[in-house]
Amino acid sequence: RLLEDADGETLLVQLDTTAPSAIQ
């Protein structure tokens, strides 16, 4: 239940990977 907002506090990275902690 997120709204796209340039001042938001949540960053979503669209990347299909099995290694999310390196990306985080």
PDB file of all heavy atoms in Angstrom:
ATOM      1  N   ARG A   1       0.823  -1.221   0.000  1.00  0.00           N
ATOM      2  CA  ARG A   1       0.000   0.000   0.000  1.00  0.00           C
ATOM      3  C   ARG A   1       0.853   1.266   0.000  1.00  0.00           C
ATOM      4  O   ARG A   1       0.704   2.140   0.843  1.00  0.00           O
ATOM      5  CB  ARG A   1      -0.957  -0.007   1.183  1.00  0.00           C
ATOM      6  CG  ARG A   1      -1.935  -1.142   1.099  1.00  0.00           C
ATOM      7  CD  ARG A   1      -2.888  -1.131   2.230  1.00  0.00           C
ATOM      8  NE  ARG A   1      -3.783  -2.267   2.084  1.00  0.00           N
ATOM      9  CZ  ARG A   1      -4.851  -2.439   2.802  1.00  0.00           C
ATOM     10  NH1 ARG A   1      -5.178  -1.562   3.722  1.00  0.00           N
ATOM     11  NH2 ARG A   1      -5.603  -3.479   2.622  1.00  0.00           N
ATOM     12  N   LEU A   2       1.732   1.342  -0.976  1.00  0.00           N
ATOM     13  CA  LEU A   2       2.611   2.490  -1.132  1.00  0.00           C
ATOM     14  C   LEU A   2       2.104   3.390  -2.247  1.00  0.00           C
ATOM     15  O   LEU A   2       1.483   2.925  -3.201  1.00  0.00           O
ATOM     16  CB  LEU A   2       4.028   2.022  -1.482  1.00  0.00           C
ATOM     17  CG  LEU A   2       4.709   1.069  -0.503  1.00  0.00           C
ATOM     18  CD1 LEU A   2       6.030   0.593  -1.090  1.00  0.00           C
ATOM     19  CD2 LEU A   2       4.917   1.726   0.839  1.00  0.00           C
ATOM     20  N   LEU A   3       2.388   4.677  -2.130  1.00  0.00           N
ATOM     21  CA  LEU A   3       2.087   5.652  -3.179  1.00  0.00           C
ATOM     22  C   LEU A   3       3.405   6.198  -3.705  1.00  0.00           C
ATOM     23  O   LEU A   3       4.285   6.554  -2.925  1.00  0.00           O
ATOM     24  CB  LEU A   3       1.258   6.811  -2.625  1.00  0.00           C
ATOM     25  CG  LEU A   3      -0.149   6.488  -2.142  1.00  0.00           C
ATOM     26  CD1 LEU A   3      -0.769   7.719  -1.506  1.00  0.00           C
ATOM     27  CD2 LEU A   3      -1.009   5.996  -3.295  1.00  0.00           C
ATOM     28  N   GLU A   4       3.534   6.280  -5.034  1.00  0.00           N
ATOM     29  CA  GLU A   4       4.756   6.835  -5.605  1.00  0.00           C
ATOM     30  C   GLU A   4       4.860   8.306  -5.200  1.00  0.00           C
ATOM     31  O   GLU A   4       3.923   9.076  -5.394  1.00  0.00           O
ATOM     32  CB  GLU A   4       4.771   6.684  -7.123  1.00  0.00           C
ATOM     33  CG  GLU A   4       6.136   6.889  -7.698  1.00  0.00           C
ATOM     34  CD  GLU A   4       6.279   6.329  -9.099  1.00  0.00           C
ATOM     35  OE1 GLU A   4       5.304   5.804  -9.663  1.00  0.00           O
ATOM     36  OE2 GLU A   4       7.392   6.425  -9.624  1.00  0.00           O
ATOM     37  N   ASP A   5       5.990   8.671  -4.603  1.00  0.00           N
ATOM     38  CA  ASP A   5       6.159  10.007  -4.044  1.00  0.00           C
ATOM     39  C   ASP A   5       7.648  10.316  -3.959  1.00  0.00           C
ATOM     40  O   ASP A   5       8.396   9.620  -3.267  1.00  0.00           O
ATOM     41  CB  ASP A   5       5.526  10.060  -2.647  1.00  0.00           C
ATOM     42  CG  ASP A   5       5.566  11.433  -2.007  1.00  0.00           C
ATOM     43  OD1 ASP A   5       6.250  12.336  -2.535  1.00  0.00           O
ATOM     44  OD2 ASP A   5       4.928  11.603  -0.966  1.00  0.00           O
ATOM     45  N   ALA A   6       8.088  11.363  -4.651  1.00  0.00           N
ATOM     46  CA  ALA A   6       9.502  11.732  -4.665  1.00  0.00           C
ATOM     47  C   ALA A   6      10.028  12.089  -3.280  1.00  0.00           C
ATOM     48  O   ALA A   6      11.239  12.046  -3.049  1.00  0.00           O
ATOM     49  CB  ALA A   6       9.730  12.898  -5.621  1.00  0.00           C
ATOM     50  N   ASP A   7       9.158  12.435  -2.354  1.00  0.00           N
ATOM     51  CA  ASP A   7       9.568  12.738  -0.986  1.00  0.00           C
ATOM     52  C   ASP A   7       9.344  11.549  -0.057  1.00  0.00           C
ATOM     53  O   ASP A   7       9.412  11.685   1.157  1.00  0.00           O
ATOM     54  CB  ASP A   7       8.797  13.952  -0.445  1.00  0.00           C
ATOM     55  CG  ASP A   7       9.173  15.222  -1.193  1.00  0.00           C
ATOM     56  OD1 ASP A   7      10.347  15.353  -1.581  1.00  0.00           O
ATOM     57  OD2 ASP A   7       8.277  16.063  -1.395  1.00  0.00           O
ATOM     58  N   GLY A   8       9.067  10.384  -0.628  1.00  0.00           N
ATOM     59  CA  GLY A   8       8.764   9.202   0.171  1.00  0.00           C
ATOM     60  C   GLY A   8       9.964   8.658   0.915  1.00  0.00           C
ATOM     61  O   GLY A   8      11.112   9.025   0.656  1.00  0.00           O
ATOM     62  N   GLU A   9       9.691   7.750   1.827  1.00  0.00           N
ATOM     63  CA  GLU A   9      10.717   7.172   2.683  1.00  0.00           C
ATOM     64  C   GLU A   9      11.025   5.723   2.326  1.00  0.00           C
ATOM     65  O   GLU A   9      11.843   5.078   2.952  1.00  0.00           O
ATOM     66  CB  GLU A   9      10.275   7.263   4.153  1.00  0.00           C
ATOM     67  CG  GLU A   9       9.114   6.335   4.506  1.00  0.00           C
ATOM     68  CD  GLU A   9       7.750   6.781   3.998  1.00  0.00           C
ATOM     69  OE1 GLU A   9       7.561   7.963   3.664  1.00  0.00           O
ATOM     70  OE2 GLU A   9       6.859   5.926   3.926  1.00  0.00           O
ATOM     71  N   THR A  10      10.359   5.208   1.297  1.00  0.00           N
ATOM     72  CA  THR A  10      10.570   3.819   0.885  1.00  0.00           C
ATOM     73  C   THR A  10      11.145   3.803  -0.523  1.00  0.00           C
ATOM     74  O   THR A  10      10.598   4.417  -1.432  1.00  0.00           O
ATOM     75  CB  THR A  10       9.235   3.038   0.918  1.00  0.00           C
ATOM     76  OG1 THR A  10       8.716   3.084   2.242  1.00  0.00           O
ATOM     77  CG2 THR A  10       9.442   1.602   0.502  1.00  0.00           C
ATOM     78  N   LEU A  11      12.256   3.100  -0.682  1.00  0.00           N
ATOM     79  CA  LEU A  11      12.897   2.959  -1.988  1.00  0.00           C
ATOM     80  C   LEU A  11      12.688   1.544  -2.475  1.00  0.00           C
ATOM     81  O   LEU A  11      13.015   0.588  -1.771  1.00  0.00           O
ATOM     82  CB  LEU A  11      14.403   3.220  -1.881  1.00  0.00           C
ATOM     83  CG  LEU A  11      14.766   4.674  -1.690  1.00  0.00           C
ATOM     84  CD1 LEU A  11      15.768   4.826  -0.588  1.00  0.00           C
ATOM     85  CD2 LEU A  11      15.320   5.202  -2.976  1.00  0.00           C
ATOM     86  N   LEU A  12      12.128   1.409  -3.665  1.00  0.00           N
ATOM     87  CA  LEU A  12      11.991   0.103  -4.289  1.00  0.00           C
ATOM     88  C   LEU A  12      12.979   0.028  -5.438  1.00  0.00           C
ATOM     89  O   LEU A  12      13.056   0.942  -6.259  1.00  0.00           O
ATOM     90  CB  LEU A  12      10.570  -0.118  -4.811  1.00  0.00           C
ATOM     91  CG  LEU A  12       9.444  -0.112  -3.779  1.00  0.00           C
ATOM     92  CD1 LEU A  12       8.120  -0.445  -4.445  1.00  0.00           C
ATOM     93  CD2 LEU A  12       9.730  -1.061  -2.633  1.00  0.00           C
ATOM     94  N   VAL A  13      13.738  -1.049  -5.473  1.00  0.00           N
ATOM     95  CA  VAL A  13      14.698  -1.271  -6.554  1.00  0.00           C
ATOM     96  C   VAL A  13      14.178  -2.426  -7.384  1.00  0.00           C
ATOM     97  O   VAL A  13      14.040  -3.536  -6.876  1.00  0.00           O
ATOM     98  CB  VAL A  13      16.096  -1.612  -6.001  1.00  0.00           C
ATOM     99  CG1 VAL A  13      17.080  -1.818  -7.145  1.00  0.00           C
ATOM    100  CG2 VAL A  13      16.578  -0.549  -5.040  1.00  0.00           C
ATOM    101  N   GLN A  14      13.864  -2.152  -8.629  1.00  0.00           N
ATOM    102  CA  GLN A  14      13.351  -3.196  -9.509  1.00  0.00           C
ATOM    103  C   GLN A  14      14.531  -3.906 -10.152  1.00  0.00           C
ATOM    104  O   GLN A  14      15.141  -3.404 -11.092  1.00  0.00           O
ATOM    105  CB  GLN A  14      12.411  -2.633 -10.566  1.00  0.00           C
ATOM    106  CG  GLN A  14      11.772  -3.740 -11.374  1.00  0.00           C
ATOM    107  CD  GLN A  14      10.489  -3.307 -12.031  1.00  0.00           C
ATOM    108  OE1 GLN A  14       9.696  -2.593 -11.437  1.00  0.00           O
ATOM    109  NE2 GLN A  14      10.297  -3.748 -13.254  1.00  0.00           N
ATOM    110  N   LEU A  15      14.829  -5.075  -9.607  1.00  0.00           N
ATOM    111  CA  LEU A  15      15.958  -5.865 -10.084  1.00  0.00           C
ATOM    112  C   LEU A  15      15.707  -7.311  -9.697  1.00  0.00           C
ATOM    113  O   LEU A  15      15.471  -7.608  -8.528  1.00  0.00           O
ATOM    114  CB  LEU A  15      17.249  -5.351  -9.448  1.00  0.00           C
ATOM    115  CG  LEU A  15      18.559  -5.931  -9.943  1.00  0.00           C
ATOM    116  CD1 LEU A  15      18.795  -5.568 -11.406  1.00  0.00           C
ATOM    117  CD2 LEU A  15      19.709  -5.403  -9.096  1.00  0.00           C
ATOM    118  N   ASP A  16      15.729  -8.191 -10.665  1.00  0.00           N
ATOM    119  CA  ASP A  16      15.505  -9.611 -10.407  1.00  0.00           C
ATOM    120  C   ASP A  16      16.847 -10.231 -10.029  1.00  0.00           C
ATOM    121  O   ASP A  16      17.685 -10.478 -10.890  1.00  0.00           O
ATOM    122  CB  ASP A  16      14.922 -10.281 -11.649  1.00  0.00           C
ATOM    123  CG  ASP A  16      14.410 -11.674 -11.365  1.00  0.00           C
ATOM    124  OD1 ASP A  16      14.324 -12.071 -10.190  1.00  0.00           O
ATOM    125  OD2 ASP A  16      14.096 -12.384 -12.333  1.00  0.00           O
ATOM    126  N   THR A  17      17.064 -10.459  -8.735  1.00  0.00           N
ATOM    127  CA  THR A  17      18.327 -10.989  -8.258  1.00  0.00           C
ATOM    128  C   THR A  17      18.111 -11.914  -7.081  1.00  0.00           C
ATOM    129  O   THR A  17      17.140 -11.773  -6.341  1.00  0.00           O
ATOM    130  CB  THR A  17      19.290  -9.846  -7.859  1.00  0.00           C
ATOM    131  OG1 THR A  17      20.529 -10.412  -7.416  1.00  0.00           O
ATOM    132  CG2 THR A  17      18.719  -8.979  -6.764  1.00  0.00           C
ATOM    133  N   THR A  18      19.031 -12.832  -6.915  1.00  0.00           N
ATOM    134  CA  THR A  18      19.006 -13.706  -5.740  1.00  0.00           C
ATOM    135  C   THR A  18      19.950 -13.178  -4.669  1.00  0.00           C
ATOM    136  O   THR A  18      20.191 -13.854  -3.676  1.00  0.00           O
ATOM    137  CB  THR A  18      19.421 -15.145  -6.123  1.00  0.00           C
ATOM    138  OG1 THR A  18      20.748 -15.106  -6.661  1.00  0.00           O
ATOM    139  CG2 THR A  18      18.458 -15.745  -7.132  1.00  0.00           C
ATOM    140  N   ALA A  19      20.473 -11.985  -4.869  1.00  0.00           N
ATOM    141  CA  ALA A  19      21.437 -11.388  -3.943  1.00  0.00           C
ATOM    142  C   ALA A  19      20.999  -9.983  -3.527  1.00  0.00           C
ATOM    143  O   ALA A  19      21.674  -8.998  -3.817  1.00  0.00           O
ATOM    144  CB  ALA A  19      22.811 -11.356  -4.601  1.00  0.00           C
ATOM    145  N   PRO A  20      19.858  -9.867  -2.838  1.00  0.00           N
ATOM    146  CA  PRO A  20      19.348  -8.525  -2.523  1.00  0.00           C
ATOM    147  C   PRO A  20      20.167  -7.747  -1.500  1.00  0.00           C
ATOM    148  O   PRO A  20      20.165  -6.525  -1.529  1.00  0.00           O
ATOM    149  CB  PRO A  20      17.940  -8.805  -1.989  1.00  0.00           C
ATOM    150  CG  PRO A  20      18.006 -10.191  -1.459  1.00  0.00           C
ATOM    151  CD  PRO A  20      18.967 -10.915  -2.356  1.00  0.00           C
ATOM    152  N   SER A  21      20.893  -8.405  -0.606  1.00  0.00           N
ATOM    153  CA  SER A  21      21.592  -7.633   0.430  1.00  0.00           C
ATOM    154  C   SER A  21      22.717  -6.779  -0.155  1.00  0.00           C
ATOM    155  O   SER A  21      22.973  -5.677   0.330  1.00  0.00           O
ATOM    156  CB  SER A  21      22.098  -8.536   1.559  1.00  0.00           C
ATOM    157  OG  SER A  21      23.099  -9.396   1.106  1.00  0.00           O
ATOM    158  N   ALA A  22      23.399  -7.243  -1.197  1.00  0.00           N
ATOM    159  CA  ALA A  22      24.422  -6.416  -1.847  1.00  0.00           C
ATOM    160  C   ALA A  22      23.782  -5.179  -2.466  1.00  0.00           C
ATOM    161  O   ALA A  22      24.301  -4.067  -2.350  1.00  0.00           O
ATOM    162  CB  ALA A  22      25.170  -7.216  -2.907  1.00  0.00           C
ATOM    163  N   ILE A  23      22.628  -5.353  -3.097  1.00  0.00           N
ATOM    164  CA  ILE A  23      21.918  -4.236  -3.712  1.00  0.00           C
ATOM    165  C   ILE A  23      21.407  -3.280  -2.632  1.00  0.00           C
ATOM    166  O   ILE A  23      21.501  -2.059  -2.779  1.00  0.00           O
ATOM    167  CB  ILE A  23      20.761  -4.738  -4.591  1.00  0.00           C
ATOM    168  CG1 ILE A  23      21.274  -5.690  -5.683  1.00  0.00           C
ATOM    169  CG2 ILE A  23      19.988  -3.564  -5.188  1.00  0.00           C
ATOM    170  CD1 ILE A  23      22.333  -5.100  -6.583  1.00  0.00           C
ATOM    171  N   GLN A  24      20.889  -3.814  -1.551  1.00  0.00           N
ATOM    172  CA  GLN A  24      20.412  -2.960  -0.455  1.00  0.00           C
ATOM    173  C   GLN A  24      21.544  -2.104   0.095  1.00  0.00           C
ATOM    174  O   GLN A  24      21.353  -0.914   0.366  1.00  0.00           O
ATOM    175  CB  GLN A  24      19.779  -3.816   0.645  1.00  0.00           C
ATOM    176  CG  GLN A  24      18.455  -4.407   0.226  1.00  0.00           C
ATOM    177  CD  GLN A  24      17.943  -5.475   1.168  1.00  0.00           C
ATOM    178  OE1 GLN A  24      18.689  -6.070   1.939  1.00  0.00           O
ATOM    179  NE2 GLN A  24      16.649  -5.733   1.093  1.00  0.00           N
TER     180      GLN A  24
END
